[in-house]
C-alpha atoms as a PDB file:
ATOM      1  CA  MET A   1      -1.415  14.889  23.398  1.00  0.00           C
ATOM      2  CA  ASP A   2       1.802  13.004  22.716  1.00  0.00           C
ATOM      3  CA  CYS A   3       2.224  12.644  18.987  1.00  0.00           C
ATOM      4  CA  CYS A   4       4.673   9.811  19.450  1.00  0.00           C
ATOM      5  CA  ASN A   5       2.278   7.645  21.451  1.00  0.00           C
ATOM      6  CA  PRO A   6       0.685   5.253  18.932  1.00  0.00           C
ATOM      7  CA  ALA A   7      -2.451   5.085  21.052  1.00  0.00           C
ATOM      8  CA  ALA A   8      -2.832   8.852  20.903  1.00  0.00           C
ATOM      9  CA  THR A   9      -2.313   9.694  17.246  1.00  0.00           C
ATOM     10  CA  GLU A  10      -1.414   7.806  14.105  1.00  0.00           C
ATOM     11  CA  PRO A  11       1.956   8.707  12.526  1.00  0.00           C
ATOM     12  CA  VAL A  12       0.354   8.369   9.102  1.00  0.00           C
ATOM     13  CA  SER A  13      -3.144   9.510   8.168  1.00  0.00           C
ATOM     14  CA  LEU A  14      -5.354   6.682   6.914  1.00  0.00           C
ATOM     15  CA  ALA A  15      -7.020   9.130   4.538  1.00  0.00           C
ATOM     16  CA  LEU A  16      -3.636  10.081   3.104  1.00  0.00           C
ATOM     17  CA  LEU A  17      -2.756   6.420   2.559  1.00  0.00           C
ATOM     18  CA  PHE A  18      -6.146   5.773   0.926  1.00  0.00           C
ATOM     19  CA  THR A  19      -5.538   8.725  -1.401  1.00  0.00           C
ATOM     20  CA  THR A  20      -2.073   7.400  -2.222  1.00  0.00           C
ATOM     21  CA  GLY A  21      -3.574   4.021  -3.117  1.00  0.00           C
ATOM     22  CA  LEU A  22      -6.242   5.680  -5.262  1.00  0.00           C
ATOM     23  CA  LEU A  23      -3.706   7.748  -7.184  1.00  0.00           C
ATOM     24  CA  MET A  24      -1.331   4.807  -7.566  1.00  0.00           C
ATOM     25  CA  SER A  25      -4.126   2.576  -8.845  1.00  0.00           C
ATOM     26  CA  LEU A  26      -4.818   4.996 -11.696  1.00  0.00           C
ATOM     27  CA  GLY A  27      -1.189   4.881 -12.794  1.00  0.00           C
ATOM     28  CA  HIS A  28       1.176   2.290 -11.368  1.00  0.00           C
ATOM     29  CA  CYS A  29      -1.390  -0.412 -10.469  1.00  0.00           C
ATOM     30  CA  ILE A  30      -3.136  -0.312 -13.841  1.00  0.00           C
ATOM     31  CA  GLY A  31       0.258  -0.661 -15.495  1.00  0.00           C
ATOM     32  CA  MET A  32       1.598  -3.422 -13.225  1.00  0.00           C
ATOM     33  CA  CYS A  33      -1.525  -5.330 -12.092  1.00  0.00           C
ATOM     34  CA  GLY A  34      -3.701  -4.407 -15.071  1.00  0.00           C
ATOM     35  CA  PRO A  35      -2.579  -7.367 -17.212  1.00  0.00           C
ATOM     36  CA  ILE A  36      -3.245  -9.749 -14.294  1.00  0.00           C
ATOM     37  CA  VAL A  37      -6.701  -8.295 -13.646  1.00  0.00           C
ATOM     38  CA  THR A  38      -7.525  -8.384 -17.356  1.00  0.00           C
ATOM     39  CA  ALA A  39      -6.379 -12.007 -17.681  1.00  0.00           C
ATOM     40  CA  PHE A  40      -8.455 -12.914 -14.618  1.00  0.00           C
ATOM     41  CA  ALA A  41     -11.528 -11.203 -16.047  1.00  0.00           C
ATOM     42  CA  VAL A  42     -11.119 -12.993 -19.391  1.00  0.00           C
ATOM     43  CA  ALA A  43     -10.653 -16.362 -17.661  1.00  0.00           C
ATOM     44  CA  GLN A  44     -13.701 -15.802 -15.440  1.00  0.00           C
ATOM     45  CA  SER A  45     -16.033 -14.354 -18.069  1.00  0.00           C
ATOM     46  CA  ASP A  46     -18.999 -16.247 -19.499  1.00  0.00           C
ATOM     47  CA  PRO A  47     -20.147 -15.105 -22.969  1.00  0.00           C
ATOM     48  CA  SER A  48     -23.745 -16.019 -22.077  1.00  0.00           C
ATOM     49  CA  SER A  49     -23.754 -13.789 -18.949  1.00  0.00           C
ATOM     50  CA  PRO A  50     -23.799  -9.997 -18.714  1.00  0.00           C
ATOM     51  CA  ARG A  51     -20.475  -8.348 -18.059  1.00  0.00           C
ATOM     52  CA  TRP A  52     -21.566  -6.950 -14.686  1.00  0.00           C
ATOM     53  CA  ARG A  53     -21.649 -10.470 -13.215  1.00  0.00           C
ATOM     54  CA  LEU A  54     -17.857 -10.327 -13.153  1.00  0.00           C
ATOM     55  CA  ALA A  55     -18.138  -7.789 -10.333  1.00  0.00           C
ATOM     56  CA  VAL A  56     -18.460 -10.509  -7.670  1.00  0.00           C
ATOM     57  CA  PRO A  57     -15.385 -12.552  -8.728  1.00  0.00           C
ATOM     58  CA  LEU A  58     -13.406  -9.319  -9.097  1.00  0.00           C
ATOM     59  CA  ALA A  59     -14.504  -8.137  -5.640  1.00  0.00           C
ATOM     60  CA  VAL A  60     -13.477 -11.468  -4.067  1.00  0.00           C
ATOM     61  CA  TYR A  61     -10.118 -11.270  -5.837  1.00  0.00           C
ATOM     62  CA  GLN A  62      -9.536  -7.699  -4.670  1.00  0.00           C
ATOM     63  CA  ALA A  63     -10.621  -8.603  -1.122  1.00  0.00           C
ATOM     64  CA  GLY A  64      -7.850 -11.191  -1.040  1.00  0.00           C
ATOM     65  CA  ARG A  65      -5.329  -8.602  -2.161  1.00  0.00           C
ATOM     66  CA  VAL A  66      -6.407  -6.128   0.536  1.00  0.00           C
ATOM     67  CA  ALA A  67      -6.291  -8.942   3.122  1.00  0.00           C
ATOM     68  CA  SER A  68      -2.685  -9.674   2.180  1.00  0.00           C
ATOM     69  CA  TYR A  69      -1.849  -5.983   2.605  1.00  0.00           C
ATOM     70  CA  ALA A  70      -3.467  -6.012   6.051  1.00  0.00           C
ATOM     71  CA  LEU A  71      -1.385  -9.068   6.960  1.00  0.00           C
ATOM     72  CA  ILE A  72       1.753  -7.235   5.868  1.00  0.00           C
ATOM     73  CA  GLY A  73       0.586  -4.347   8.074  1.00  0.00           C
ATOM     74  CA  VAL A  74       0.236  -6.715  11.038  1.00  0.00           C
ATOM     75  CA  VAL A  75       3.819  -7.914  10.604  1.00  0.00           C
ATOM     76  CA  MET A  76       5.199  -4.411  10.113  1.00  0.00           C
ATOM     77  CA  GLY A  77       3.174  -3.051  13.038  1.00  0.00           C
ATOM     78  CA  LEU A  78       4.535  -5.885  15.190  1.00  0.00           C
ATOM     79  CA  ILE A  79       8.063  -4.904  14.218  1.00  0.00           C
ATOM     80  CA  GLY A  80       7.302  -1.314  15.169  1.00  0.00           C
ATOM     81  CA  ALA A  81       5.765  -2.389  18.484  1.00  0.00           C
ATOM     82  CA  ALA A  82       8.762  -4.591  19.310  1.00  0.00           C
ATOM     83  CA  THR A  83      11.086  -1.697  18.598  1.00  0.00           C
ATOM     84  CA  SER A  84       9.064   0.544  20.904  1.00  0.00           C
ATOM     85  CA  LEU A  85       9.114  -1.997  23.753  1.00  0.00           C
ATOM     86  CA  ALA A  86      12.854  -2.510  23.479  1.00  0.00           C
ATOM     87  CA  GLY A  87      13.512   0.723  25.363  1.00  0.00           C
ATOM     88  CA  GLY A  88      12.121   4.206  25.954  1.00  0.00           C
ATOM     89  CA  PRO A  89       9.038   4.418  23.716  1.00  0.00           C
ATOM     90  CA  ARG A  90       9.378   8.104  22.890  1.00  0.00           C
ATOM     91  CA  THR A  91      12.951   8.030  21.609  1.00  0.00           C
ATOM     92  CA  LEU A  92      12.678   4.625  19.962  1.00  0.00           C
ATOM     93  CA  MET A  93       9.447   5.513  18.205  1.00  0.00           C
ATOM     94  CA  GLY A  94      11.120   8.734  17.145  1.00  0.00           C
ATOM     95  CA  THR A  95      13.987   6.733  15.679  1.00  0.00           C
ATOM     96  CA  LEU A  96      11.588   4.363  13.943  1.00  0.00           C
ATOM     97  CA  SER A  97       9.643   7.316  12.550  1.00  0.00           C
ATOM     98  CA  VAL A  98      12.800   8.937  11.147  1.00  0.00           C
ATOM     99  CA  VAL A  99      14.026   5.657   9.635  1.00  0.00           C
ATOM    100  CA  ALA A 100      10.596   4.970   8.129  1.00  0.00           C
ATOM    101  CA  GLY A 101      10.404   8.527   6.798  1.00  0.00           C
ATOM    102  CA  VAL A 102      13.799   8.327   5.125  1.00  0.00           C
ATOM    103  CA  ALA A 103      12.867   4.951   3.620  1.00  0.00           C
ATOM    104  CA  MET A 104       9.632   6.403   2.249  1.00  0.00           C
ATOM    105  CA  LEU A 105      11.507   9.357   0.793  1.00  0.00           C
ATOM    106  CA  LEU A 106      13.738   6.829  -0.986  1.00  0.00           C
ATOM    107  CA  ALA A 107      10.651   4.908  -2.124  1.00  0.00           C
ATOM    108  CA  GLY A 108       9.090   8.106  -3.462  1.00  0.00           C
ATOM    109  CA  ALA A 109      12.302   8.858  -5.324  1.00  0.00           C
ATOM    110  CA  SER A 110      12.131   5.361  -6.814  1.00  0.00           C
ATOM    111  CA  LEU A 111       8.538   5.910  -7.949  1.00  0.00           C
ATOM    112  CA  LEU A 112       9.716   9.056  -9.727  1.00  0.00           C
ATOM    113  CA  ALA A 113      12.421   6.941 -11.429  1.00  0.00           C
ATOM    114  CA  TRP A 114      15.225   8.551  -9.467  1.00  0.00           C
ATOM    115  CA  LEU A 115      16.192   5.174  -7.930  1.00  0.00           C
ATOM    116  CA  PRO A 116      15.795   1.577  -9.303  1.00  0.00           C
ATOM    117  CA  LEU A 117      13.956   0.212  -6.225  1.00  0.00           C
ATOM    118  CA  GLN A 118      11.158  -1.414  -8.253  1.00  0.00           C
ATOM    119  CA  GLY A 119      13.657  -3.313 -10.378  1.00  0.00           C
ATOM    120  CA  TRP A 120      15.399  -4.650  -7.289  1.00  0.00           C
ATOM    121  CA  LEU A 121      12.078  -5.859  -5.847  1.00  0.00           C
ATOM    122  CA  GLU A 122      10.987  -7.578  -9.052  1.00  0.00           C
ATOM    123  CA  ALA A 123      14.290  -9.446  -9.260  1.00  0.00           C
ATOM    124  CA  ALA A 124      13.776 -10.990  -5.808  1.00  0.00           C
ATOM    125  CA  PRO A 125      13.139 -14.796  -5.762  1.00  0.00           C
ATOM    126  CA  VAL A 126       9.895 -14.327  -3.813  1.00  0.00           C
ATOM    127  CA  GLY A 127       8.459 -12.288  -6.673  1.00  0.00           C
ATOM    128  CA  ARG A 128       9.054 -15.085  -9.177  1.00  0.00           C
ATOM    129  CA  ALA A 129       7.564 -17.687  -6.799  1.00  0.00           C
ATOM    130  CA  VAL A 130       4.410 -15.623  -6.254  1.00  0.00           C
ATOM    131  CA  ALA A 131       4.011 -15.138 -10.014  1.00  0.00           C
ATOM    132  CA  ARG A 132       4.079 -18.914 -10.559  1.00  0.00           C
ATOM    133  CA  THR A 133       1.421 -19.434  -7.862  1.00  0.00           C
ATOM    134  CA  MET A 134      -0.831 -16.837  -9.461  1.00  0.00           C
ATOM    135  CA  GLY A 135      -0.614 -18.623 -12.795  1.00  0.00           C
ATOM    136  CA  THR A 136      -2.142 -21.777 -11.313  1.00  0.00           C
ATOM    137  CA  LEU A 137      -5.002 -19.839  -9.654  1.00  0.00           C
ATOM    138  CA  LEU A 138      -5.915 -17.564 -12.543  1.00  0.00           C
ATOM    139  CA  ARG A 139      -8.637 -19.782 -14.054  1.00  0.00           C
ATOM    140  CA  ALA A 140     -10.024 -21.178 -10.784  1.00  0.00           C
ATOM    141  CA  ARG A 141     -13.735 -20.523 -10.300  1.00  0.00           C
ATOM    142  CA  ARG A 142     -14.097 -21.340  -6.607  1.00  0.00           C
ATOM    143  CA  THR A 143     -14.524 -18.386  -4.274  1.00  0.00           C
ATOM    144  CA  GLY A 144     -11.634 -19.532  -2.085  1.00  0.00           C
ATOM    145  CA  SER A 145      -9.294 -19.841  -5.070  1.00  0.00           C
ATOM    146  CA  ARG A 146     -10.236 -16.371  -6.294  1.00  0.00           C
ATOM    147  CA  PHE A 147      -9.511 -15.000  -2.833  1.00  0.00           C
ATOM    148  CA  LEU A 148      -6.137 -16.808  -2.738  1.00  0.00           C
ATOM    149  CA  LEU A 149      -5.284 -15.350  -6.137  1.00  0.00           C
ATOM    150  CA  GLY A 150      -5.796 -11.890  -4.682  1.00  0.00           C
ATOM    151  CA  VAL A 151      -3.659 -12.806  -1.667  1.00  0.00           C
ATOM    152  CA  ALA A 152      -0.864 -13.953  -3.998  1.00  0.00           C
ATOM    153  CA  ASN A 153      -1.206 -10.725  -5.992  1.00  0.00           C
ATOM    154  CA  GLY A 154      -0.758  -8.749  -2.789  1.00  0.00           C
ATOM    155  CA  PHE A 155       2.622 -10.343  -2.169  1.00  0.00           C
ATOM    156  CA  LEU A 156       4.033  -9.452  -5.577  1.00  0.00           C
ATOM    157  CA  PRO A 157       7.060  -7.157  -5.105  1.00  0.00           C
ATOM    158  CA  CYS A 158       5.854  -3.584  -5.541  1.00  0.00           C
ATOM    159  CA  GLY A 159       7.513  -0.272  -4.699  1.00  0.00           C
ATOM    160  CA  PRO A 160       4.361   1.597  -3.566  1.00  0.00           C
ATOM    161  CA  VAL A 161       3.295  -1.343  -1.377  1.00  0.00           C
ATOM    162  CA  ALA A 162       6.752  -1.414   0.200  1.00  0.00           C
ATOM    163  CA  ALA A 163       6.440   2.302   0.939  1.00  0.00           C
ATOM    164  CA  ALA A 164       3.038   1.815   2.574  1.00  0.00           C
ATOM    165  CA  ALA A 165       4.417  -1.112   4.608  1.00  0.00           C
ATOM    166  CA  ILE A 166       7.159   1.115   5.952  1.00  0.00           C
ATOM    167  CA  SER A 167       4.547   3.590   7.156  1.00  0.00           C
ATOM    168  CA  ALA A 168       2.681   0.704   8.830  1.00  0.00           C
ATOM    169  CA  ALA A 169       5.796  -0.089  10.878  1.00  0.00           C
ATOM    170  CA  ALA A 170       5.896   3.506  12.034  1.00  0.00           C
ATOM    171  CA  THR A 171       2.443   3.182  13.616  1.00  0.00           C
ATOM    172  CA  GLY A 172       4.025   1.071  16.348  1.00  0.00           C
ATOM    173  CA  THR A 173       0.980  -1.189  16.877  1.00  0.00           C
ATOM    174  CA  VAL A 174      -0.324  -4.309  15.160  1.00  0.00           C
ATOM    175  CA  GLY A 175      -3.877  -2.985  14.767  1.00  0.00           C
ATOM    176  CA  ARG A 176      -2.886   0.391  13.361  1.00  0.00           C
ATOM    177  CA  GLY A 177      -0.353  -1.239  11.067  1.00  0.00           C
ATOM    178  CA  ALA A 178      -3.079  -3.454   9.633  1.00  0.00           C
ATOM    179  CA  LEU A 179      -5.424  -0.468   9.241  1.00  0.00           C
ATOM    180  CA  ALA A 180      -2.736   1.568   7.489  1.00  0.00           C
ATOM    181  CA  MET A 181      -2.108  -1.139   4.905  1.00  0.00           C
ATOM    182  CA  ALA A 182      -5.816  -1.900   4.495  1.00  0.00           C
ATOM    183  CA  ALA A 183      -6.473   1.800   3.848  1.00  0.00           C
ATOM    184  CA  TYR A 184      -3.815   1.859   1.140  1.00  0.00           C
ATOM    185  CA  GLY A 185      -5.163  -1.352  -0.402  1.00  0.00           C
ATOM    186  CA  ALA A 186      -8.766  -0.132  -0.334  1.00  0.00           C
ATOM    187  CA  GLY A 187      -7.728   2.926  -2.307  1.00  0.00           C
ATOM    188  CA  THR A 188      -6.430   0.733  -5.133  1.00  0.00           C
ATOM    189  CA  VAL A 189      -9.613  -1.352  -5.457  1.00  0.00           C
ATOM    190  CA  PRO A 190     -12.071   0.862  -7.439  1.00  0.00           C
ATOM    191  CA  ALA A 191      -9.855   1.436 -10.471  1.00  0.00           C
ATOM    192  CA  LEU A 192      -8.875  -2.223 -10.743  1.00  0.00           C
ATOM    193  CA  ILE A 193     -12.478  -3.430 -10.527  1.00  0.00           C
ATOM    194  CA  VAL A 194     -13.501  -0.919 -13.215  1.00  0.00           C
ATOM    195  CA  LEU A 195     -10.587  -2.124 -15.337  1.00  0.00           C
ATOM    196  CA  GLY A 196     -11.668  -5.738 -14.882  1.00  0.00           C
ATOM    197  CA  LEU A 197     -15.209  -4.896 -15.938  1.00  0.00           C
ATOM    198  CA  GLY A 198     -13.816  -3.395 -19.128  1.00  0.00           C
ATOM    199  CA  ALA A 199     -15.199   0.077 -18.553  1.00  0.00           C
ATOM    200  CA  GLY A 200     -12.213   1.583 -20.311  1.00  0.00           C
ATOM    201  CA  LEU A 201      -8.782   2.931 -19.462  1.00  0.00           C
ATOM    202  CA  LEU A 202      -7.690   6.421 -18.656  1.00  0.00           C
ATOM    203  CA  ASP A 203      -5.591   8.291 -21.137  1.00  0.00           C
ATOM    204  CA  ALA A 204      -1.940   7.235 -20.749  1.00  0.00           C
ATOM    205  CA  ARG A 205      -0.763  10.798 -20.145  1.00  0.00           C
ATOM    206  CA  LEU A 206      -3.379  11.338 -17.433  1.00  0.00           C
ATOM    207  CA  ARG A 207      -2.399   8.064 -15.749  1.00  0.00           C
ATOM    208  CA  LEU A 208       1.243   9.171 -15.766  1.00  0.00           C
ATOM    209  CA  ARG A 209       0.305  12.477 -14.099  1.00  0.00           C
ATOM    210  CA  LEU A 210      -1.749  10.690 -11.442  1.00  0.00           C
ATOM    211  CA  PHE A 211       1.064   8.229 -10.811  1.00  0.00           C
ATOM    212  CA  ARG A 212       3.508  11.081 -10.288  1.00  0.00           C
ATOM    213  CA  ALA A 213       1.017  12.768  -7.966  1.00  0.00           C
ATOM    214  CA  GLY A 214       0.900   9.547  -5.931  1.00  0.00           C
ATOM    215  CA  ALA A 215       4.695   9.501  -5.754  1.00  0.00           C
ATOM    216  CA  VAL A 216       4.637  13.057  -4.437  1.00  0.00           C
ATOM    217  CA  VAL A 217       2.149  11.971  -1.737  1.00  0.00           C
ATOM    218  CA  VAL A 218       4.609   9.229  -0.713  1.00  0.00           C
ATOM    219  CA  LEU A 219       7.308  11.900  -0.397  1.00  0.00           C
ATOM    220  CA  VAL A 220       4.960  14.016   1.723  1.00  0.00           C
ATOM    221  CA  ILE A 221       4.278  11.078   4.057  1.00  0.00           C
ATOM    222  CA  GLY A 222       8.017  10.429   4.328  1.00  0.00           C
ATOM    223  CA  ALA A 223       8.716  14.052   5.208  1.00  0.00           C
ATOM    224  CA  GLN A 224       5.923  13.989   7.802  1.00  0.00           C
ATOM    225  CA  LEU A 225       7.393  10.886   9.453  1.00  0.00           C
ATOM    226  CA  VAL A 226      10.859  12.423   9.606  1.00  0.00           C
ATOM    227  CA  LEU A 227       9.477  15.604  11.179  1.00  0.00           C
ATOM    228  CA  ARG A 228       7.501  13.610  13.763  1.00  0.00           C
ATOM    229  CA  GLY A 229      10.625  11.686  14.635  1.00  0.00           C
ATOM    230  CA  LEU A 230      12.560  14.915  15.095  1.00  0.00           C
ATOM    231  CA  HIS A 231       9.769  16.208  17.327  1.00  0.00           C
ATOM    232  CA  ALA A 232      10.089  13.067  19.466  1.00  0.00           C
ATOM    233  CA  TYR A 233      13.706  14.007  20.104  1.00  0.00           C
ATOM    234  CA  GLY A 234      12.756  17.594  20.943  1.00  0.00           C
ATOM    235  CA  VAL A 235      14.564  19.000  17.919  1.00  0.00           C
ATOM    236  CA  ILE A 236      11.479  20.775  16.581  1.00  0.00           C
ATOM    237  CA  PRO A 237       8.187  21.807  18.243  1.00  0.00           C
ATOM    238  CA  VAL A 238       4.850  20.158  17.577  1.00  0.00           C
ATOM    239  CA  MET A 239       2.914  21.506  14.591  1.00  0.00           C
ATOM    240  CA  ARG A 240      -0.899  21.549  14.651  1.00  0.00           C
ATOM    241  CA  VAL A 241      -3.585  22.793  12.288  1.00  0.00           C
ATOM    242  CA  GLY A 242      -6.638  23.020  14.532  1.00  0.00           C
ATOM    243  CA  PRO A 243      -7.187  19.567  16.044  1.00  0.00           C
ATOM    244  CA  LEU A 244      -4.927  17.916  13.422  1.00  0.00           C
ATOM    245  CA  VAL A 245      -1.379  17.090  14.556  1.00  0.00           C
ATOM    246  CA  LEU A 246       0.967  17.308  11.559  1.00  0.00           C
ATOM    247  CA  TRP A 247       4.043  16.289  13.594  1.00  0.00           C
END
């Protein structure tokens, strides 16, 4: 099996991306998106209704956010596919894998506060524009508006999302790119819905540990992509653990 053929194996495990999203949601996402989710829950709440009725609006909102991640995955997968078609697929996908891996290593370093990547992203004009759009949608009670609020949330500049998007490009196909980003987004959903329902927050120290664990997972994914790229060039042999191809 050719590990550099996107149809044969995925450069990034969907389960690993889901786990990254889950860990990030318990640290980074609660810190960054928590105020938005809380404000949405307050705006949508009805004192005469039980708290659990907020689950539907929150689910619609989160579905919009995951949909925006999948759309980002489509674009990044298209970029990866175009790169592959530009020449020999094995060497070009190897190059893309190495570039994506190095970028994810940089993103992981940023998440661990070794680089100011998040600050650069937040300063971008698109981030300010998305924030303004979200403000107008926050109190909307139509299903479509709630979904659009989630979509806008998904396009807020975010270091972990950028790292996941890089891995989506490395898949080399539109479908797998979308799946990679959707897997990451799905991992972030449970904690944010629980937060919106007001079920309580994790201890700050525990959230910090989980966030750092997520950053380490990003570094692991980056290293895996680099190794797979080197294998594509014949620099290192393939590594398998049973049926699982590591690189």
